[in-house]
Amino acid sequence: MTKATDSDSEVNIVPFGKSAIRIRLAATFTADTFMSTKQKFIEPRPYADPEFAARKLVELANAFEPVHDGRIYIEKINGPFLYQLKGTPAEYKAGLDCAIAKGWLVLHESGTYVKFTEAGATLFA
């Protein structure tokens, strides 16, 4: 079990299978100023798994028609992932790195666009 502090309460991270559950301890005070703690379960992040995030990014990239030379501009996939699906920048980066490592996407050295590879194209064939 790992402990992390938040702005107003303490968060315990408890191992649960392949993932972890975050438990927030909220402090409450009674009339006689006795401090007790309540545990609240925090919902797990759906894109905390890099492979799941990578599959979602490839799915988002597939939704757009590539422009010149098969290019899919990076803002076409990071915008929906971050603002519509409410993924975090860390989840986005981990998902993109996983998609590149699995050979589904190729990121241009400038970072402005991605392209599907053969393996990435066969995911939706």
C-alpha atoms as a PDB file:
ATOM      1  CA  MET A   1       0.000   0.000   0.000  1.00  0.00           C
ATOM      2  CA  THR A   2       1.375   3.380  -1.011  1.00  0.00           C
ATOM      3  CA  LYS A   3       0.371   6.713   0.488  1.00  0.00           C
ATOM      4  CA  ALA A   4       0.147   9.971  -1.378  1.00  0.00           C
ATOM      5  CA  THR A   5      -1.031  13.295  -0.056  1.00  0.00           C
ATOM      6  CA  ASP A   6      -3.663  15.372  -1.740  1.00  0.00           C
ATOM      7  CA  SER A   7      -4.496  19.022  -1.059  1.00  0.00           C
ATOM      8  CA  ASP A   8      -7.002  18.324   1.711  1.00  0.00           C
ATOM      9  CA  SER A   9      -6.854  14.588   2.372  1.00  0.00           C
ATOM     10  CA  GLU A  10      -4.698  11.506   2.157  1.00  0.00           C
ATOM     11  CA  VAL A  11      -4.916   8.971  -0.692  1.00  0.00           C
ATOM     12  CA  ASN A  12      -3.976   5.325  -0.195  1.00  0.00           C
ATOM     13  CA  ILE A  13      -3.163   3.255  -3.266  1.00  0.00           C
ATOM     14  CA  VAL A  14      -4.015  -0.398  -2.682  1.00  0.00           C
ATOM     15  CA  PRO A  15      -2.886  -3.144  -5.135  1.00  0.00           C
ATOM     16  CA  PHE A  16      -5.871  -4.893  -6.728  1.00  0.00           C
ATOM     17  CA  GLY A  17      -5.011  -7.540  -9.327  1.00  0.00           C
ATOM     18  CA  LYS A  18      -3.085  -5.980 -12.211  1.00  0.00           C
ATOM     19  CA  SER A  19      -4.271  -2.475 -11.310  1.00  0.00           C
ATOM     20  CA  ALA A  20      -4.661  -0.460  -8.139  1.00  0.00           C
ATOM     21  CA  ILE A  21      -7.536   1.125  -6.259  1.00  0.00           C
ATOM     22  CA  ARG A  22      -7.133   4.601  -4.887  1.00  0.00           C
ATOM     23  CA  ILE A  23      -8.842   5.213  -1.545  1.00  0.00           C
ATOM     24  CA  ARG A  24      -9.270   8.760  -0.283  1.00  0.00           C
ATOM     25  CA  LEU A  25      -9.356   9.278   3.464  1.00  0.00           C
ATOM     26  CA  ALA A  26     -11.568  12.240   4.303  1.00  0.00           C
ATOM     27  CA  ALA A  27     -11.247  13.772   7.752  1.00  0.00           C
ATOM     28  CA  THR A  28     -14.407  14.761   9.580  1.00  0.00           C
ATOM     29  CA  PHE A  29     -14.818  16.417  12.950  1.00  0.00           C
ATOM     30  CA  THR A  30     -17.618  15.742  15.429  1.00  0.00           C
ATOM     31  CA  ALA A  31     -19.033  18.135  18.006  1.00  0.00           C
ATOM     32  CA  ASP A  32     -16.403  17.167  20.564  1.00  0.00           C
ATOM     33  CA  THR A  33     -13.627  17.572  17.966  1.00  0.00           C
ATOM     34  CA  PHE A  34     -12.963  13.860  17.715  1.00  0.00           C
ATOM     35  CA  MET A  35     -11.340  13.121  14.369  1.00  0.00           C
ATOM     36  CA  SER A  36     -12.565  10.113  12.447  1.00  0.00           C
ATOM     37  CA  THR A  37     -11.812   8.994   8.922  1.00  0.00           C
ATOM     38  CA  LYS A  38     -14.101   7.738   6.195  1.00  0.00           C
ATOM     39  CA  GLN A  39     -12.911   5.875   3.131  1.00  0.00           C
ATOM     40  CA  LYS A  40     -14.252   6.852  -0.273  1.00  0.00           C
ATOM     41  CA  PHE A  41     -13.497   4.790  -3.365  1.00  0.00           C
ATOM     42  CA  ILE A  42     -12.238   6.740  -6.351  1.00  0.00           C
ATOM     43  CA  GLU A  43     -13.301   5.505  -9.770  1.00  0.00           C
ATOM     44  CA  PRO A  44     -10.485   3.817 -11.718  1.00  0.00           C
ATOM     45  CA  ARG A  45      -9.227   5.727 -14.766  1.00  0.00           C
ATOM     46  CA  PRO A  46     -10.223   3.897 -17.953  1.00  0.00           C
ATOM     47  CA  TYR A  47      -7.058   4.925 -19.819  1.00  0.00           C
ATOM     48  CA  ALA A  48      -4.618   4.133 -17.009  1.00  0.00           C
ATOM     49  CA  ASP A  49      -3.768   0.946 -18.928  1.00  0.00           C
ATOM     50  CA  PRO A  50      -1.402   2.072 -21.743  1.00  0.00           C
ATOM     51  CA  GLU A  51      -2.549  -0.692 -24.107  1.00  0.00           C
ATOM     52  CA  PHE A  52      -6.201   0.342 -23.743  1.00  0.00           C
ATOM     53  CA  ALA A  53      -5.230   3.981 -24.308  1.00  0.00           C
ATOM     54  CA  ALA A  54      -3.169   2.950 -27.366  1.00  0.00           C
ATOM     55  CA  ARG A  55      -6.125   1.096 -28.865  1.00  0.00           C
ATOM     56  CA  LYS A  56      -8.346   4.147 -28.303  1.00  0.00           C
ATOM     57  CA  LEU A  57      -5.775   6.437 -29.946  1.00  0.00           C
ATOM     58  CA  VAL A  58      -5.536   4.124 -32.961  1.00  0.00           C
ATOM     59  CA  GLU A  59      -9.339   4.060 -33.120  1.00  0.00           C
ATOM     60  CA  LEU A  60      -9.411   7.877 -33.050  1.00  0.00           C
ATOM     61  CA  ALA A  61      -6.742   8.039 -35.765  1.00  0.00           C
ATOM     62  CA  ASN A  62      -8.764   5.632 -37.898  1.00  0.00           C
ATOM     63  CA  ALA A  63     -11.821   7.902 -37.629  1.00  0.00           C
ATOM     64  CA  PHE A  64     -10.065  10.660 -39.610  1.00  0.00           C
ATOM     65  CA  GLU A  65      -9.333  10.654 -43.302  1.00  0.00           C
ATOM     66  CA  PRO A  66      -5.558  10.919 -43.772  1.00  0.00           C
ATOM     67  CA  VAL A  67      -4.339  13.965 -45.657  1.00  0.00           C
ATOM     68  CA  HIS A  68      -1.329  14.100 -47.964  1.00  0.00           C
ATOM     69  CA  ASP A  69       0.789  10.923 -47.936  1.00  0.00           C
ATOM     70  CA  GLY A  70      -1.272   9.154 -45.252  1.00  0.00           C
ATOM     71  CA  ARG A  71      -0.595  11.761 -42.573  1.00  0.00           C
ATOM     72  CA  ILE A  72      -2.932  12.121 -39.598  1.00  0.00           C
ATOM     73  CA  TYR A  73      -2.236  15.339 -37.769  1.00  0.00           C
ATOM     74  CA  ILE A  74      -1.554  14.798 -34.090  1.00  0.00           C
ATOM     75  CA  GLU A  75      -4.178  17.333 -32.964  1.00  0.00           C
ATOM     76  CA  LYS A  76      -6.848  15.162 -34.597  1.00  0.00           C
ATOM     77  CA  ILE A  77      -6.184  12.445 -32.026  1.00  0.00           C
ATOM     78  CA  ASN A  78      -4.924  14.305 -28.945  1.00  0.00           C
ATOM     79  CA  GLY A  79      -7.799  16.810 -28.868  1.00  0.00           C
ATOM     80  CA  PRO A  80     -10.599  14.229 -28.668  1.00  0.00           C
ATOM     81  CA  PHE A  81      -8.585  12.045 -26.280  1.00  0.00           C
ATOM     82  CA  LEU A  82      -7.854  14.858 -23.836  1.00  0.00           C
ATOM     83  CA  TYR A  83     -11.050  16.928 -24.030  1.00  0.00           C
ATOM     84  CA  GLN A  84     -13.871  14.609 -25.079  1.00  0.00           C
ATOM     85  CA  LEU A  85     -12.704  11.350 -23.487  1.00  0.00           C
ATOM     86  CA  LYS A  86     -11.169  13.205 -20.496  1.00  0.00           C
ATOM     87  CA  GLY A  87      -7.842  11.373 -20.648  1.00  0.00           C
ATOM     88  CA  THR A  88      -4.854  12.923 -18.909  1.00  0.00           C
ATOM     89  CA  PRO A  89      -1.691  14.025 -20.738  1.00  0.00           C
ATOM     90  CA  ALA A  90       0.237  11.216 -19.016  1.00  0.00           C
ATOM     91  CA  GLU A  91      -2.304   8.630 -20.218  1.00  0.00           C
ATOM     92  CA  TYR A  92      -2.141  10.107 -23.724  1.00  0.00           C
ATOM     93  CA  LYS A  93       1.669   9.944 -23.808  1.00  0.00           C
ATOM     94  CA  ALA A  94       1.726   6.386 -22.429  1.00  0.00           C
ATOM     95  CA  GLY A  95      -0.885   5.304 -24.982  1.00  0.00           C
ATOM     96  CA  LEU A  96       0.961   6.934 -27.871  1.00  0.00           C
ATOM     97  CA  ASP A  97       4.256   5.370 -26.795  1.00  0.00           C
ATOM     98  CA  CYS A  98       2.564   1.973 -26.527  1.00  0.00           C
ATOM     99  CA  ALA A  99       1.004   2.304 -30.000  1.00  0.00           C
ATOM    100  CA  ILE A 100       4.408   3.185 -31.441  1.00  0.00           C
ATOM    101  CA  ALA A 101       6.117   0.336 -29.558  1.00  0.00           C
ATOM    102  CA  LYS A 102       3.534  -2.173 -30.830  1.00  0.00           C
ATOM    103  CA  GLY A 103       4.149  -0.950 -34.374  1.00  0.00           C
ATOM    104  CA  TRP A 104       0.614   0.382 -34.965  1.00  0.00           C
ATOM    105  CA  LEU A 105       1.602   4.023 -35.534  1.00  0.00           C
ATOM    106  CA  VAL A 106       4.713   5.887 -36.604  1.00  0.00           C
ATOM    107  CA  LEU A 107       5.281   9.363 -35.181  1.00  0.00           C
ATOM    108  CA  HIS A 108       7.123  11.812 -37.416  1.00  0.00           C
ATOM    109  CA  GLU A 109      10.312  13.236 -35.898  1.00  0.00           C
ATOM    110  CA  SER A 110       8.712  16.692 -35.738  1.00  0.00           C
ATOM    111  CA  GLY A 111       5.838  15.293 -33.679  1.00  0.00           C
ATOM    112  CA  THR A 112       3.200  16.932 -35.886  1.00  0.00           C
ATOM    113  CA  TYR A 113       1.635  13.838 -37.428  1.00  0.00           C
ATOM    114  CA  VAL A 114       1.383  10.060 -37.237  1.00  0.00           C
ATOM    115  CA  LYS A 115       0.990   7.409 -39.917  1.00  0.00           C
ATOM    116  CA  PHE A 116      -0.487   3.938 -39.778  1.00  0.00           C
ATOM    117  CA  THR A 117       1.872   1.033 -40.254  1.00  0.00           C
ATOM    118  CA  GLU A 118       0.898  -2.269 -41.870  1.00  0.00           C
ATOM    119  CA  ALA A 119       0.138  -3.731 -38.434  1.00  0.00           C
ATOM    120  CA  GLY A 120      -1.947  -0.710 -37.457  1.00  0.00           C
ATOM    121  CA  ALA A 121      -3.929  -0.805 -40.691  1.00  0.00           C
ATOM    122  CA  THR A 122      -4.801  -4.473 -40.215  1.00  0.00           C
ATOM    123  CA  LEU A 123      -6.487  -3.688 -36.863  1.00  0.00           C
ATOM    124  CA  PHE A 124      -9.388  -2.138 -38.773  1.00  0.00           C
ATOM    125  CA  ALA A 125      -9.341  -4.242 -41.941  1.00  0.00           C
END
